Amino acid sequence: MTARTEPRPDGSTVLTLVTVGPPLVLVEHRMFLDQYLTHSLLHTLARDLDGIEPPGPTPEAAALLAAMRTGDRTALATAQDAYNTRVLNLWTDTDGSAAA
């Protein structure tokens, strides 16, 4: 999932969430937030995230970056397989069906 915001001159915001839907299609959800809701959301996020360290890359992404830096083809292939498995798991439910 990715999130994007588009601030408007009046203080409102368009929040866009892009998710993966079946069968491997990107679905865009656009929400129009008025200026009061935008301010409230930003205030709440700032308060809730205060003091929390950024999580950094996923273990699979970190392994892929490390393998790319070393140039080891075997490590790179293994890291790519692990990364692809993680992405495919985002597209399927635990029972193997397509994600809703």
N, C-alpha and C. Protein backbone atom coordinates (compact mmCIF):
# COMPACT_ATOMS: atom_id res chain seq x y z
N MET A 1 0.84 -1.16 0.00
CA MET A 1 0.00 0.00 0.00
C MET A 1 0.89 1.24 0.00
N THR A 2 0.49 2.22 -0.75
CA THR A 2 1.17 3.51 -0.71
C THR A 2 0.13 4.59 -0.42
N ALA A 3 0.59 5.66 0.17
CA ALA A 3 -0.29 6.78 0.48
C ALA A 3 0.31 8.05 -0.11
N ARG A 4 -0.55 8.91 -0.59
CA ARG A 4 -0.12 10.18 -1.18
C ARG A 4 -1.12 11.24 -0.75
N THR A 5 -0.64 12.44 -0.50
CA THR A 5 -1.55 13.54 -0.16
C THR A 5 -1.40 14.65 -1.18
N GLU A 6 -2.50 15.32 -1.43
CA GLU A 6 -2.53 16.46 -2.35
C GLU A 6 -3.16 17.63 -1.60
N PRO A 7 -2.34 18.52 -1.01
CA PRO A 7 -2.91 19.66 -0.29
C PRO A 7 -3.60 20.63 -1.25
N ARG A 8 -4.68 21.22 -0.78
CA ARG A 8 -5.45 22.20 -1.56
C ARG A 8 -5.25 23.58 -0.96
N PRO A 9 -5.45 24.65 -1.74
CA PRO A 9 -5.24 26.02 -1.23
C PRO A 9 -6.13 26.39 -0.05
N ASP A 10 -7.31 25.76 0.06
CA ASP A 10 -8.23 26.10 1.15
C ASP A 10 -7.91 25.37 2.45
N GLY A 11 -6.83 24.56 2.48
CA GLY A 11 -6.48 23.82 3.68
C GLY A 11 -6.99 22.40 3.70
N SER A 12 -7.82 22.04 2.73
CA SER A 12 -8.29 20.67 2.64
C SER A 12 -7.21 19.82 1.96
N THR A 13 -7.41 18.52 1.99
CA THR A 13 -6.44 17.59 1.42
C THR A 13 -7.16 16.45 0.73
N VAL A 14 -6.55 15.95 -0.33
CA VAL A 14 -7.02 14.72 -0.96
C VAL A 14 -6.03 13.64 -0.55
N LEU A 15 -6.50 12.64 0.18
CA LEU A 15 -5.67 11.51 0.60
C LEU A 15 -5.90 10.38 -0.38
N THR A 16 -4.83 9.90 -0.99
CA THR A 16 -4.94 8.82 -1.97
C THR A 16 -4.20 7.60 -1.44
N LEU A 17 -4.91 6.48 -1.32
CA LEU A 17 -4.30 5.21 -0.93
C LEU A 17 -4.35 4.28 -2.13
N VAL A 18 -3.22 3.66 -2.44
CA VAL A 18 -3.16 2.70 -3.53
C VAL A 18 -2.91 1.34 -2.91
N THR A 19 -3.83 0.40 -3.16
CA THR A 19 -3.71 -0.95 -2.62
C THR A 19 -3.69 -1.95 -3.77
N VAL A 20 -3.32 -3.18 -3.45
CA VAL A 20 -3.29 -4.25 -4.45
C VAL A 20 -4.58 -5.05 -4.32
N GLY A 21 -5.26 -5.23 -5.43
CA GLY A 21 -6.48 -6.02 -5.45
C GLY A 21 -6.35 -7.16 -6.44
N PRO A 22 -7.29 -8.09 -6.43
CA PRO A 22 -7.20 -9.22 -7.35
C PRO A 22 -7.61 -8.80 -8.74
N PRO A 23 -7.15 -9.38 -9.79
CA PRO A 23 -5.95 -10.22 -9.84
C PRO A 23 -4.74 -9.35 -10.14
N LEU A 24 -3.98 -9.01 -9.12
CA LEU A 24 -2.76 -8.21 -9.23
C LEU A 24 -3.01 -6.87 -9.90
N VAL A 25 -4.05 -6.18 -9.46
CA VAL A 25 -4.43 -4.88 -10.01
C VAL A 25 -4.29 -3.84 -8.90
N LEU A 26 -3.76 -2.68 -9.25
CA LEU A 26 -3.68 -1.59 -8.27
C LEU A 26 -5.02 -0.87 -8.21
N VAL A 27 -5.51 -0.65 -6.99
CA VAL A 27 -6.79 0.01 -6.77
C VAL A 27 -6.50 1.33 -6.05
N GLU A 28 -7.02 2.43 -6.59
CA GLU A 28 -6.80 3.74 -5.98
C GLU A 28 -8.04 4.17 -5.22
N HIS A 29 -7.85 4.54 -3.95
CA HIS A 29 -8.93 5.04 -3.10
C HIS A 29 -8.63 6.51 -2.82
N ARG A 30 -9.53 7.42 -3.22
CA ARG A 30 -9.33 8.86 -2.99
C ARG A 30 -10.34 9.34 -1.96
N MET A 31 -9.83 10.03 -0.93
CA MET A 31 -10.68 10.57 0.12
C MET A 31 -10.45 12.07 0.22
N PHE A 32 -11.51 12.82 0.20
CA PHE A 32 -11.43 14.27 0.31
C PHE A 32 -11.64 14.66 1.77
N LEU A 33 -10.62 15.25 2.38
CA LEU A 33 -10.67 15.65 3.77
C LEU A 33 -10.76 17.17 3.86
N ASP A 34 -11.78 17.67 4.55
CA ASP A 34 -11.88 19.13 4.67
C ASP A 34 -10.75 19.65 5.57
N GLN A 35 -10.63 20.96 5.66
CA GLN A 35 -9.49 21.56 6.38
C GLN A 35 -9.48 21.20 7.86
N TYR A 36 -10.64 21.01 8.46
CA TYR A 36 -10.70 20.69 9.89
C TYR A 36 -10.26 19.25 10.14
N LEU A 37 -10.73 18.34 9.29
CA LEU A 37 -10.34 16.94 9.42
C LEU A 37 -8.85 16.76 9.11
N THR A 38 -8.34 17.49 8.12
CA THR A 38 -6.92 17.44 7.79
C THR A 38 -6.07 17.88 8.98
N HIS A 39 -6.44 19.00 9.60
CA HIS A 39 -5.69 19.50 10.76
C HIS A 39 -5.75 18.52 11.91
N SER A 40 -6.92 17.96 12.17
CA SER A 40 -7.08 17.00 13.26
C SER A 40 -6.25 15.75 13.01
N LEU A 41 -6.27 15.25 11.78
CA LEU A 41 -5.51 14.05 11.44
C LEU A 41 -4.01 14.29 11.60
N LEU A 42 -3.52 15.43 11.11
CA LEU A 42 -2.09 15.74 11.24
C LEU A 42 -1.68 15.89 12.70
N HIS A 43 -2.53 16.54 13.50
CA HIS A 43 -2.24 16.71 14.92
C HIS A 43 -2.17 15.35 15.62
N THR A 44 -3.12 14.48 15.33
CA THR A 44 -3.15 13.15 15.94
C THR A 44 -1.95 12.32 15.52
N LEU A 45 -1.61 12.35 14.24
CA LEU A 45 -0.44 11.59 13.76
C LEU A 45 0.84 12.09 14.41
N ALA A 46 1.00 13.40 14.49
CA ALA A 46 2.21 13.96 15.10
C ALA A 46 2.32 13.54 16.56
N ARG A 47 1.21 13.55 17.27
CA ARG A 47 1.20 13.15 18.68
C ARG A 47 1.49 11.66 18.82
N ASP A 48 0.84 10.83 18.00
CA ASP A 48 1.00 9.38 18.12
C ASP A 48 2.38 8.90 17.69
N LEU A 49 3.01 9.58 16.75
CA LEU A 49 4.31 9.13 16.24
C LEU A 49 5.49 9.75 16.98
N ASP A 50 5.23 10.64 17.93
CA ASP A 50 6.30 11.30 18.65
C ASP A 50 7.15 10.27 19.40
N GLY A 51 8.45 10.28 19.12
CA GLY A 51 9.37 9.38 19.81
C GLY A 51 9.49 8.00 19.22
N ILE A 52 8.72 7.69 18.20
CA ILE A 52 8.79 6.36 17.57
C ILE A 52 9.81 6.42 16.44
N GLU A 53 10.76 5.51 16.48
CA GLU A 53 11.79 5.45 15.44
C GLU A 53 11.20 4.89 14.15
N PRO A 54 11.65 5.38 12.99
CA PRO A 54 11.20 4.80 11.72
C PRO A 54 11.59 3.32 11.65
N PRO A 55 10.74 2.48 11.10
CA PRO A 55 11.01 1.04 11.11
C PRO A 55 12.15 0.61 10.18
N GLY A 56 12.49 1.42 9.19
CA GLY A 56 13.52 1.00 8.25
C GLY A 56 12.96 0.00 7.24
N PRO A 57 13.82 -0.54 6.40
CA PRO A 57 13.33 -1.47 5.38
C PRO A 57 12.92 -2.81 6.00
N THR A 58 12.08 -3.54 5.27
CA THR A 58 11.73 -4.89 5.71
C THR A 58 12.98 -5.75 5.66
N PRO A 59 13.01 -6.86 6.39
CA PRO A 59 14.19 -7.73 6.33
C PRO A 59 14.50 -8.20 4.90
N GLU A 60 13.46 -8.45 4.12
CA GLU A 60 13.67 -8.90 2.74
C GLU A 60 14.29 -7.81 1.89
N ALA A 61 13.83 -6.57 2.06
CA ALA A 61 14.39 -5.46 1.29
C ALA A 61 15.83 -5.18 1.73
N ALA A 62 16.11 -5.27 3.02
CA ALA A 62 17.47 -5.06 3.51
C ALA A 62 18.42 -6.12 2.95
N ALA A 63 17.97 -7.38 2.91
CA ALA A 63 18.80 -8.45 2.36
C ALA A 63 19.04 -8.24 0.87
N LEU A 64 18.02 -7.77 0.16
CA LEU A 64 18.17 -7.51 -1.27
C LEU A 64 19.17 -6.38 -1.51
N LEU A 65 19.09 -5.31 -0.74
CA LEU A 65 20.04 -4.21 -0.88
C LEU A 65 21.47 -4.66 -0.57
N ALA A 66 21.62 -5.44 0.49
CA ALA A 66 22.95 -5.93 0.86
C ALA A 66 23.53 -6.83 -0.23
N ALA A 67 22.70 -7.69 -0.80
CA ALA A 67 23.17 -8.58 -1.87
C ALA A 67 23.55 -7.79 -3.11
N MET A 68 22.80 -6.74 -3.42
CA MET A 68 23.12 -5.91 -4.58
C MET A 68 24.46 -5.21 -4.37
N ARG A 69 24.72 -4.78 -3.15
CA ARG A 69 25.98 -4.06 -2.87
C ARG A 69 27.20 -4.98 -2.95
N THR A 70 27.03 -6.25 -2.58
CA THR A 70 28.17 -7.18 -2.60
C THR A 70 28.44 -7.71 -4.00
N GLY A 71 27.41 -7.78 -4.83
CA GLY A 71 27.59 -8.32 -6.18
C GLY A 71 27.57 -9.84 -6.23
N ASP A 72 27.27 -10.50 -5.13
CA ASP A 72 27.21 -11.96 -5.08
C ASP A 72 25.92 -12.42 -5.76
N ARG A 73 26.05 -13.10 -6.90
CA ARG A 73 24.87 -13.50 -7.68
C ARG A 73 23.99 -14.50 -6.94
N THR A 74 24.59 -15.41 -6.21
CA THR A 74 23.81 -16.40 -5.46
C THR A 74 23.01 -15.72 -4.36
N ALA A 75 23.66 -14.83 -3.62
CA ALA A 75 22.96 -14.09 -2.56
C ALA A 75 21.86 -13.21 -3.15
N LEU A 76 22.14 -12.62 -4.32
CA LEU A 76 21.14 -11.77 -4.97
C LEU A 76 19.92 -12.59 -5.39
N ALA A 77 20.14 -13.76 -5.97
CA ALA A 77 19.03 -14.62 -6.39
C ALA A 77 18.20 -15.05 -5.18
N THR A 78 18.87 -15.41 -4.10
CA THR A 78 18.16 -15.82 -2.88
C THR A 78 17.35 -14.66 -2.31
N ALA A 79 17.96 -13.48 -2.27
CA ALA A 79 17.26 -12.29 -1.75
C ALA A 79 16.08 -11.90 -2.63
N GLN A 80 16.24 -12.04 -3.95
CA GLN A 80 15.13 -11.73 -4.87
C GLN A 80 13.97 -12.68 -4.65
N ASP A 81 14.28 -13.97 -4.45
CA ASP A 81 13.22 -14.95 -4.20
C ASP A 81 12.47 -14.62 -2.92
N ALA A 82 13.19 -14.25 -1.86
CA ALA A 82 12.54 -13.90 -0.59
C ALA A 82 11.69 -12.65 -0.74
N TYR A 83 12.19 -11.66 -1.48
CA TYR A 83 11.44 -10.42 -1.69
C TYR A 83 10.18 -10.69 -2.51
N ASN A 84 10.31 -11.49 -3.57
CA ASN A 84 9.15 -11.83 -4.40
C ASN A 84 8.11 -12.58 -3.60
N THR A 85 8.55 -13.48 -2.72
CA THR A 85 7.61 -14.23 -1.88
C THR A 85 6.85 -13.27 -0.97
N ARG A 86 7.54 -12.28 -0.41
CA ARG A 86 6.86 -11.30 0.46
C ARG A 86 5.81 -10.52 -0.32
N VAL A 87 6.16 -10.08 -1.54
CA VAL A 87 5.21 -9.32 -2.36
C VAL A 87 4.01 -10.20 -2.73
N LEU A 88 4.26 -11.44 -3.11
CA LEU A 88 3.16 -12.33 -3.46
C LEU A 88 2.26 -12.61 -2.26
N ASN A 89 2.84 -12.66 -1.07
CA ASN A 89 2.02 -12.86 0.13
C ASN A 89 1.10 -11.67 0.40
N LEU A 90 1.46 -10.49 -0.07
CA LEU A 90 0.58 -9.34 0.07
C LEU A 90 -0.64 -9.47 -0.83
N TRP A 91 -0.51 -10.24 -1.91
CA TRP A 91 -1.58 -10.39 -2.89
C TRP A 91 -2.50 -11.56 -2.62
N THR A 92 -2.15 -12.40 -1.67
CA THR A 92 -2.99 -13.56 -1.37
C THR A 92 -3.34 -13.58 0.10
N ASP A 93 -4.49 -14.17 0.39
CA ASP A 93 -4.89 -14.36 1.77
C ASP A 93 -4.18 -15.58 2.32
N THR A 94 -4.35 -15.84 3.61
CA THR A 94 -3.67 -16.97 4.24
C THR A 94 -4.14 -18.31 3.68
N ASP A 95 -5.35 -18.37 3.11
CA ASP A 95 -5.84 -19.63 2.55
C ASP A 95 -5.45 -19.80 1.08
N GLY A 96 -4.67 -18.85 0.52
CA GLY A 96 -4.20 -18.98 -0.86
C GLY A 96 -5.11 -18.32 -1.88
N SER A 97 -6.25 -17.80 -1.46
CA SER A 97 -7.14 -17.13 -2.41
C SER A 97 -6.65 -15.70 -2.64
N ALA A 98 -7.19 -15.07 -3.67
CA ALA A 98 -6.80 -13.69 -3.98
C ALA A 98 -7.25 -12.76 -2.86
N ALA A 99 -6.43 -11.78 -2.56
CA ALA A 99 -6.78 -10.81 -1.52
C ALA A 99 -7.96 -9.96 -1.96
N ALA A 100 -8.79 -9.59 -1.02
CA ALA A 100 -9.96 -8.77 -1.34
C ALA A 100 -9.61 -7.33 -1.33
